[in-house]
Amino acid sequence: MENRFWKTKPLEAMSRPEWESLCDGCGKCCMAKLEDEDTGEIYWTTVGCRLFDAGTCRCSDYAHRLAKVADCVKLTPANVRTISWLPASCAYRLVAEGKDLYWWHPLVSGSADTVHEAGISVRGRVTASETDLSAPEEYFDHMVEEEL
Protein backbone atom coordinates (compact mmCIF):
# COMPACT_ATOMS: atom_id res chain seq x y z
CA MET A 1 0.00 0.00 0.00
CA GLU A 2 1.48 3.30 -1.07
CA ASN A 3 -0.55 5.55 1.23
CA ARG A 4 0.76 4.55 4.64
CA PHE A 5 -1.12 7.37 6.36
CA TRP A 6 -0.67 5.82 9.81
CA LYS A 7 3.07 6.52 9.54
CA THR A 8 2.67 10.21 8.76
CA LYS A 9 -0.57 11.34 10.40
CA PRO A 10 -1.29 11.60 14.08
CA LEU A 11 -4.48 9.86 15.14
CA GLU A 12 -6.21 13.23 15.61
CA ALA A 13 -5.60 14.20 11.97
CA MET A 14 -7.01 11.04 10.42
CA SER A 15 -10.21 11.13 8.41
CA ARG A 16 -13.05 8.91 9.58
CA PRO A 17 -12.35 6.29 6.86
CA GLU A 18 -8.65 6.25 7.81
CA TRP A 19 -9.52 5.91 11.49
CA GLU A 20 -11.96 3.07 10.86
CA SER A 21 -9.47 1.25 8.62
CA LEU A 22 -7.03 1.01 11.53
CA CYS A 23 -9.25 -1.64 13.08
CA ASP A 24 -7.69 -4.97 12.08
CA GLY A 25 -10.83 -6.99 12.80
CA CYS A 26 -9.27 -9.12 15.53
CA GLY A 27 -12.35 -8.83 17.76
CA LYS A 28 -10.35 -8.67 20.98
CA CYS A 29 -11.91 -5.45 22.21
CA CYS A 30 -15.37 -7.07 21.86
CA MET A 31 -14.51 -9.78 24.38
CA ALA A 32 -15.66 -9.32 27.98
CA LYS A 33 -12.88 -8.38 30.35
CA LEU A 34 -12.94 -8.61 34.12
CA GLU A 35 -11.19 -6.06 36.29
CA ASP A 36 -9.92 -6.71 39.80
CA GLU A 37 -11.41 -3.87 41.83
CA ASP A 38 -8.47 -3.84 44.24
CA THR A 39 -5.55 -4.01 41.81
CA GLY A 40 -7.05 -2.81 38.52
CA GLU A 41 -5.64 -5.91 36.83
CA ILE A 42 -7.51 -6.95 33.69
CA TYR A 43 -8.51 -10.56 33.06
CA TRP A 44 -9.49 -11.65 29.56
CA THR A 45 -12.41 -13.93 28.80
CA THR A 46 -13.64 -15.72 25.71
CA VAL A 47 -17.12 -14.25 26.12
CA GLY A 48 -18.22 -12.07 23.22
CA CYS A 49 -20.40 -9.00 23.41
CA ARG A 50 -24.03 -9.66 22.52
CA LEU A 51 -23.50 -7.83 19.20
CA PHE A 52 -20.27 -9.65 18.35
CA ASP A 53 -20.34 -11.96 15.33
CA ALA A 54 -17.76 -14.65 16.18
CA GLY A 55 -17.53 -15.81 12.56
CA THR A 56 -16.61 -12.46 11.07
CA CYS A 57 -15.01 -10.99 14.22
CA ARG A 58 -17.04 -7.84 13.68
CA CYS A 59 -19.89 -6.07 15.41
CA SER A 60 -23.26 -7.11 14.00
CA ASP A 61 -24.66 -3.60 14.51
CA TYR A 62 -21.64 -1.30 14.55
CA ALA A 63 -23.61 1.85 13.72
CA HIS A 64 -25.86 1.44 16.77
CA ARG A 65 -23.52 -0.35 19.16
CA LEU A 66 -23.17 2.54 21.59
CA ALA A 67 -26.94 2.85 21.99
CA LYS A 68 -27.48 -0.90 22.31
CA VAL A 69 -24.57 -1.83 24.58
CA ALA A 70 -24.26 0.37 27.64
CA ASP A 71 -20.61 -0.48 28.32
CA CYS A 72 -19.40 -0.39 24.72
CA VAL A 73 -16.37 1.88 24.48
CA LYS A 74 -16.02 4.13 21.46
CA LEU A 75 -12.34 4.40 20.66
CA THR A 76 -11.05 7.93 20.14
CA PRO A 77 -7.59 9.41 19.64
CA ALA A 78 -7.68 10.56 23.27
CA ASN A 79 -8.81 7.35 24.95
CA VAL A 80 -6.69 4.84 23.01
CA ARG A 81 -3.72 6.33 24.84
CA THR A 82 -5.26 5.56 28.22
CA ILE A 83 -7.27 2.33 27.86
CA SER A 84 -5.22 -0.31 29.64
CA TRP A 85 -7.05 -3.29 28.11
CA LEU A 86 -6.31 -2.52 24.46
CA PRO A 87 -4.25 -5.46 23.19
CA ALA A 88 -0.56 -4.90 22.52
CA SER A 89 -1.26 -5.78 18.87
CA CYS A 90 -4.03 -3.15 18.48
CA ALA A 91 -3.32 -0.78 15.60
CA TYR A 92 -4.78 2.18 17.48
CA ARG A 93 -2.42 1.53 20.37
CA LEU A 94 0.55 0.88 18.08
CA VAL A 95 0.06 4.12 16.13
CA ALA A 96 -0.49 6.10 19.35
CA GLU A 97 2.83 4.72 20.59
CA GLY A 98 4.62 5.66 17.35
CA LYS A 99 5.01 2.04 16.22
CA ASP A 100 4.30 0.48 12.83
CA LEU A 101 1.56 -2.00 12.01
CA TYR A 102 2.30 -5.70 11.85
CA TRP A 103 2.58 -7.58 8.54
CA TRP A 104 -0.81 -9.25 9.08
CA HIS A 105 -2.73 -5.99 9.44
CA PRO A 106 -5.11 -5.58 6.45
CA LEU A 107 -3.64 -2.16 5.62
CA VAL A 108 -0.21 -3.76 5.23
CA SER A 109 -1.14 -7.17 3.80
CA GLY A 110 -3.99 -5.97 1.60
CA SER A 111 -6.22 -8.76 2.91
CA ALA A 112 -8.74 -8.85 5.75
CA ASP A 113 -7.95 -12.56 6.19
CA THR A 114 -4.33 -12.26 7.35
CA VAL A 115 -5.32 -11.25 10.89
CA HIS A 116 -7.14 -14.59 11.14
CA GLU A 117 -4.50 -16.60 9.27
CA ALA A 118 -1.82 -15.26 11.63
CA GLY A 119 -3.85 -16.41 14.64
CA ILE A 120 -4.22 -12.88 15.99
CA SER A 121 -8.01 -12.72 15.95
CA VAL A 122 -10.44 -14.38 18.33
CA ARG A 123 -11.96 -16.42 15.51
CA GLY A 124 -12.49 -19.95 16.79
CA ARG A 125 -11.80 -18.95 20.41
CA VAL A 126 -15.15 -17.48 21.49
CA THR A 127 -16.78 -19.87 23.94
CA ALA A 128 -19.93 -17.90 24.80
CA SER A 129 -21.90 -14.76 24.16
CA GLU A 130 -22.81 -12.54 27.05
CA THR A 131 -26.44 -13.40 26.24
CA ASP A 132 -25.64 -17.03 27.14
CA LEU A 133 -24.65 -16.13 30.69
CA SER A 134 -27.20 -15.43 33.40
CA ALA A 135 -24.95 -14.58 36.36
CA PRO A 136 -21.77 -12.48 36.62
CA GLU A 137 -19.81 -15.33 38.21
CA GLU A 138 -20.30 -17.42 35.04
CA TYR A 139 -17.70 -15.25 33.33
CA PHE A 140 -15.03 -16.87 35.51
CA ASP A 141 -15.57 -20.14 33.64
CA HIS A 142 -14.42 -18.40 30.47
CA MET A 143 -11.31 -16.63 31.78
CA VAL A 144 -8.03 -17.19 29.95
CA GLU A 145 -4.53 -17.10 31.41
CA GLU A 146 -3.22 -14.30 29.21
CA GLU A 147 -4.33 -11.63 26.79
CA LEU A 148 -6.12 -13.06 23.81
C-alpha atoms as a PDB file:
ATOM      1  CA  MET A   1       0.000   0.000   0.000  1.00  0.00           C
ATOM      2  CA  GLU A   2       1.477   3.304  -1.072  1.00  0.00           C
ATOM      3  CA  ASN A   3      -0.554   5.549   1.233  1.00  0.00           C
ATOM      4  CA  ARG A   4       0.755   4.550   4.642  1.00  0.00           C
ATOM      5  CA  PHE A   5      -1.119   7.371   6.355  1.00  0.00           C
ATOM      6  CA  TRP A   6      -0.669   5.822   9.810  1.00  0.00           C
ATOM      7  CA  LYS A   7       3.067   6.517   9.542  1.00  0.00           C
ATOM      8  CA  THR A   8       2.670  10.205   8.764  1.00  0.00           C
ATOM      9  CA  LYS A   9      -0.568  11.341  10.400  1.00  0.00           C
ATOM     10  CA  PRO A  10      -1.286  11.603  14.082  1.00  0.00           C
ATOM     11  CA  LEU A  11      -4.482   9.863  15.144  1.00  0.00           C
ATOM     12  CA  GLU A  12      -6.206  13.232  15.612  1.00  0.00           C
ATOM     13  CA  ALA A  13      -5.603  14.205  11.973  1.00  0.00           C
ATOM     14  CA  MET A  14      -7.007  11.036  10.423  1.00  0.00           C
ATOM     15  CA  SER A  15     -10.205  11.126   8.408  1.00  0.00           C
ATOM     16  CA  ARG A  16     -13.054   8.915   9.576  1.00  0.00           C
ATOM     17  CA  PRO A  17     -12.351   6.286   6.857  1.00  0.00           C
ATOM     18  CA  GLU A  18      -8.654   6.249   7.807  1.00  0.00           C
ATOM     19  CA  TRP A  19      -9.521   5.906  11.495  1.00  0.00           C
ATOM     20  CA  GLU A  20     -11.963   3.074  10.858  1.00  0.00           C
ATOM     21  CA  SER A  21      -9.470   1.249   8.618  1.00  0.00           C
ATOM     22  CA  LEU A  22      -7.034   1.012  11.526  1.00  0.00           C
ATOM     23  CA  CYS A  23      -9.251  -1.640  13.084  1.00  0.00           C
ATOM     24  CA  ASP A  24      -7.692  -4.966  12.082  1.00  0.00           C
ATOM     25  CA  GLY A  25     -10.831  -6.990  12.799  1.00  0.00           C
ATOM     26  CA  CYS A  26      -9.271  -9.116  15.533  1.00  0.00           C
ATOM     27  CA  GLY A  27     -12.347  -8.834  17.755  1.00  0.00           C
ATOM     28  CA  LYS A  28     -10.354  -8.668  20.978  1.00  0.00           C
ATOM     29  CA  CYS A  29     -11.915  -5.454  22.214  1.00  0.00           C
ATOM     30  CA  CYS A  30     -15.366  -7.072  21.860  1.00  0.00           C
ATOM     31  CA  MET A  31     -14.513  -9.779  24.380  1.00  0.00           C
ATOM     32  CA  ALA A  32     -15.659  -9.320  27.977  1.00  0.00           C
ATOM     33  CA  LYS A  33     -12.885  -8.382  30.349  1.00  0.00           C
ATOM     34  CA  LEU A  34     -12.938  -8.610  34.117  1.00  0.00           C
ATOM     35  CA  GLU A  35     -11.189  -6.063  36.295  1.00  0.00           C
ATOM     36  CA  ASP A  36      -9.918  -6.715  39.796  1.00  0.00           C
ATOM     37  CA  GLU A  37     -11.411  -3.867  41.829  1.00  0.00           C
ATOM     38  CA  ASP A  38      -8.474  -3.845  44.240  1.00  0.00           C
ATOM     39  CA  THR A  39      -5.548  -4.011  41.806  1.00  0.00           C
ATOM     40  CA  GLY A  40      -7.048  -2.808  38.518  1.00  0.00           C
ATOM     41  CA  GLU A  41      -5.637  -5.913  36.834  1.00  0.00           C
ATOM     42  CA  ILE A  42      -7.514  -6.946  33.687  1.00  0.00           C
ATOM     43  CA  TYR A  43      -8.505 -10.564  33.062  1.00  0.00           C
ATOM     44  CA  TRP A  44      -9.493 -11.653  29.564  1.00  0.00           C
ATOM     45  CA  THR A  45     -12.409 -13.933  28.803  1.00  0.00           C
ATOM     46  CA  THR A  46     -13.637 -15.719  25.708  1.00  0.00           C
ATOM     47  CA  VAL A  47     -17.121 -14.250  26.122  1.00  0.00           C
ATOM     48  CA  GLY A  48     -18.217 -12.074  23.225  1.00  0.00           C
ATOM     49  CA  CYS A  49     -20.398  -8.997  23.407  1.00  0.00           C
ATOM     50  CA  ARG A  50     -24.034  -9.660  22.521  1.00  0.00           C
ATOM     51  CA  LEU A  51     -23.498  -7.830  19.204  1.00  0.00           C
ATOM     52  CA  PHE A  52     -20.274  -9.655  18.350  1.00  0.00           C
ATOM     53  CA  ASP A  53     -20.337 -11.963  15.333  1.00  0.00           C
ATOM     54  CA  ALA A  54     -17.759 -14.645  16.179  1.00  0.00           C
ATOM     55  CA  GLY A  55     -17.529 -15.813  12.560  1.00  0.00           C
ATOM     56  CA  THR A  56     -16.611 -12.457  11.069  1.00  0.00           C
ATOM     57  CA  CYS A  57     -15.012 -10.992  14.216  1.00  0.00           C
ATOM     58  CA  ARG A  58     -17.042  -7.836  13.677  1.00  0.00           C
ATOM     59  CA  CYS A  59     -19.894  -6.066  15.414  1.00  0.00           C
ATOM     60  CA  SER A  60     -23.255  -7.112  14.005  1.00  0.00           C
ATOM     61  CA  ASP A  61     -24.658  -3.596  14.511  1.00  0.00           C
ATOM     62  CA  TYR A  62     -21.640  -1.302  14.546  1.00  0.00           C
ATOM     63  CA  ALA A  63     -23.613   1.852  13.716  1.00  0.00           C
ATOM     64  CA  HIS A  64     -25.864   1.437  16.767  1.00  0.00           C
ATOM     65  CA  ARG A  65     -23.517  -0.352  19.164  1.00  0.00           C
ATOM     66  CA  LEU A  66     -23.171   2.542  21.592  1.00  0.00           C
ATOM     67  CA  ALA A  67     -26.937   2.855  21.986  1.00  0.00           C
ATOM     68  CA  LYS A  68     -27.481  -0.899  22.314  1.00  0.00           C
ATOM     69  CA  VAL A  69     -24.570  -1.832  24.575  1.00  0.00           C
ATOM     70  CA  ALA A  70     -24.256   0.374  27.643  1.00  0.00           C
ATOM     71  CA  ASP A  71     -20.609  -0.475  28.325  1.00  0.00           C
ATOM     72  CA  CYS A  72     -19.396  -0.389  24.724  1.00  0.00           C
ATOM     73  CA  VAL A  73     -16.370   1.884  24.484  1.00  0.00           C
ATOM     74  CA  LYS A  74     -16.025   4.132  21.460  1.00  0.00           C
ATOM     75  CA  LEU A  75     -12.340   4.399  20.663  1.00  0.00           C
ATOM     76  CA  THR A  76     -11.054   7.928  20.143  1.00  0.00           C
ATOM     77  CA  PRO A  77      -7.590   9.414  19.643  1.00  0.00           C
ATOM     78  CA  ALA A  78      -7.683  10.562  23.271  1.00  0.00           C
ATOM     79  CA  ASN A  79      -8.814   7.355  24.949  1.00  0.00           C
ATOM     80  CA  VAL A  80      -6.686   4.837  23.008  1.00  0.00           C
ATOM     81  CA  ARG A  81      -3.722   6.329  24.840  1.00  0.00           C
ATOM     82  CA  THR A  82      -5.263   5.559  28.225  1.00  0.00           C
ATOM     83  CA  ILE A  83      -7.266   2.327  27.859  1.00  0.00           C
ATOM     84  CA  SER A  84      -5.225  -0.314  29.640  1.00  0.00           C
ATOM     85  CA  TRP A  85      -7.049  -3.288  28.114  1.00  0.00           C
ATOM     86  CA  LEU A  86      -6.313  -2.522  24.459  1.00  0.00           C
ATOM     87  CA  PRO A  87      -4.254  -5.464  23.194  1.00  0.00           C
ATOM     88  CA  ALA A  88      -0.564  -4.897  22.521  1.00  0.00           C
ATOM     89  CA  SER A  89      -1.264  -5.777  18.873  1.00  0.00           C
ATOM     90  CA  CYS A  90      -4.032  -3.154  18.483  1.00  0.00           C
ATOM     91  CA  ALA A  91      -3.321  -0.776  15.605  1.00  0.00           C
ATOM     92  CA  TYR A  92      -4.781   2.184  17.483  1.00  0.00           C
ATOM     93  CA  ARG A  93      -2.418   1.530  20.365  1.00  0.00           C
ATOM     94  CA  LEU A  94       0.555   0.885  18.079  1.00  0.00           C
ATOM     95  CA  VAL A  95       0.062   4.120  16.129  1.00  0.00           C
ATOM     96  CA  ALA A  96      -0.490   6.095  19.346  1.00  0.00           C
ATOM     97  CA  GLU A  97       2.832   4.717  20.595  1.00  0.00           C
ATOM     98  CA  GLY A  98       4.622   5.655  17.346  1.00  0.00           C
ATOM     99  CA  LYS A  99       5.005   2.041  16.219  1.00  0.00           C
ATOM    100  CA  ASP A 100       4.299   0.484  12.829  1.00  0.00           C
ATOM    101  CA  LEU A 101       1.562  -1.998  12.013  1.00  0.00           C
ATOM    102  CA  TYR A 102       2.304  -5.705  11.846  1.00  0.00           C
ATOM    103  CA  TRP A 103       2.575  -7.583   8.535  1.00  0.00           C
ATOM    104  CA  TRP A 104      -0.811  -9.250   9.078  1.00  0.00           C
ATOM    105  CA  HIS A 105      -2.727  -5.985   9.436  1.00  0.00           C
ATOM    106  CA  PRO A 106      -5.111  -5.580   6.454  1.00  0.00           C
ATOM    107  CA  LEU A 107      -3.645  -2.155   5.617  1.00  0.00           C
ATOM    108  CA  VAL A 108      -0.214  -3.764   5.233  1.00  0.00           C
ATOM    109  CA  SER A 109      -1.138  -7.167   3.802  1.00  0.00           C
ATOM    110  CA  GLY A 110      -3.986  -5.974   1.599  1.00  0.00           C
ATOM    111  CA  SER A 111      -6.219  -8.759   2.913  1.00  0.00           C
ATOM    112  CA  ALA A 112      -8.741  -8.851   5.753  1.00  0.00           C
ATOM    113  CA  ASP A 113      -7.950 -12.556   6.190  1.00  0.00           C
ATOM    114  CA  THR A 114      -4.335 -12.256   7.346  1.00  0.00           C
ATOM    115  CA  VAL A 115      -5.320 -11.250  10.892  1.00  0.00           C
ATOM    116  CA  HIS A 116      -7.138 -14.587  11.144  1.00  0.00           C
ATOM    117  CA  GLU A 117      -4.502 -16.602   9.272  1.00  0.00           C
ATOM    118  CA  ALA A 118      -1.815 -15.262  11.631  1.00  0.00           C
ATOM    119  CA  GLY A 119      -3.852 -16.407  14.639  1.00  0.00           C
ATOM    120  CA  ILE A 120      -4.223 -12.879  15.986  1.00  0.00           C
ATOM    121  CA  SER A 121      -8.015 -12.722  15.949  1.00  0.00           C
ATOM    122  CA  VAL A 122     -10.437 -14.383  18.334  1.00  0.00           C
ATOM    123  CA  ARG A 123     -11.964 -16.418  15.508  1.00  0.00           C
ATOM    124  CA  GLY A 124     -12.492 -19.953  16.793  1.00  0.00           C
ATOM    125  CA  ARG A 125     -11.803 -18.954  20.412  1.00  0.00           C
ATOM    126  CA  VAL A 126     -15.147 -17.483  21.486  1.00  0.00           C
ATOM    127  CA  THR A 127     -16.779 -19.868  23.944  1.00  0.00           C
ATOM    128  CA  ALA A 128     -19.929 -17.898  24.801  1.00  0.00           C
ATOM    129  CA  SER A 129     -21.898 -14.758  24.157  1.00  0.00           C
ATOM    130  CA  GLU A 130     -22.812 -12.539  27.054  1.00  0.00           C
ATOM    131  CA  THR A 131     -26.437 -13.401  26.235  1.00  0.00           C
ATOM    132  CA  ASP A 132     -25.644 -17.032  27.141  1.00  0.00           C
ATOM    133  CA  LEU A 133     -24.653 -16.126  30.692  1.00  0.00           C
ATOM    134  CA  SER A 134     -27.196 -15.425  33.401  1.00  0.00           C
ATOM    135  CA  ALA A 135     -24.954 -14.576  36.358  1.00  0.00           C
ATOM    136  CA  PRO A 136     -21.771 -12.482  36.622  1.00  0.00           C
ATOM    137  CA  GLU A 137     -19.810 -15.333  38.209  1.00  0.00           C
ATOM    138  CA  GLU A 138     -20.300 -17.419  35.044  1.00  0.00           C
ATOM    139  CA  TYR A 139     -17.695 -15.246  33.328  1.00  0.00           C
ATOM    140  CA  PHE A 140     -15.029 -16.866  35.510  1.00  0.00           C
ATOM    141  CA  ASP A 141     -15.570 -20.142  33.644  1.00  0.00           C
ATOM    142  CA  HIS A 142     -14.420 -18.396  30.466  1.00  0.00           C
ATOM    143  CA  MET A 143     -11.307 -16.629  31.777  1.00  0.00           C
ATOM    144  CA  VAL A 144      -8.029 -17.194  29.954  1.00  0.00           C
ATOM    145  CA  GLU A 145      -4.533 -17.097  31.410  1.00  0.00           C
ATOM    146  CA  GLU A 146      -3.217 -14.299  29.213  1.00  0.00           C
ATOM    147  CA  GLU A 147      -4.326 -11.626  26.792  1.00  0.00           C
ATOM    148  CA  LEU A 148      -6.118 -13.064  23.807  1.00  0.00           C
END
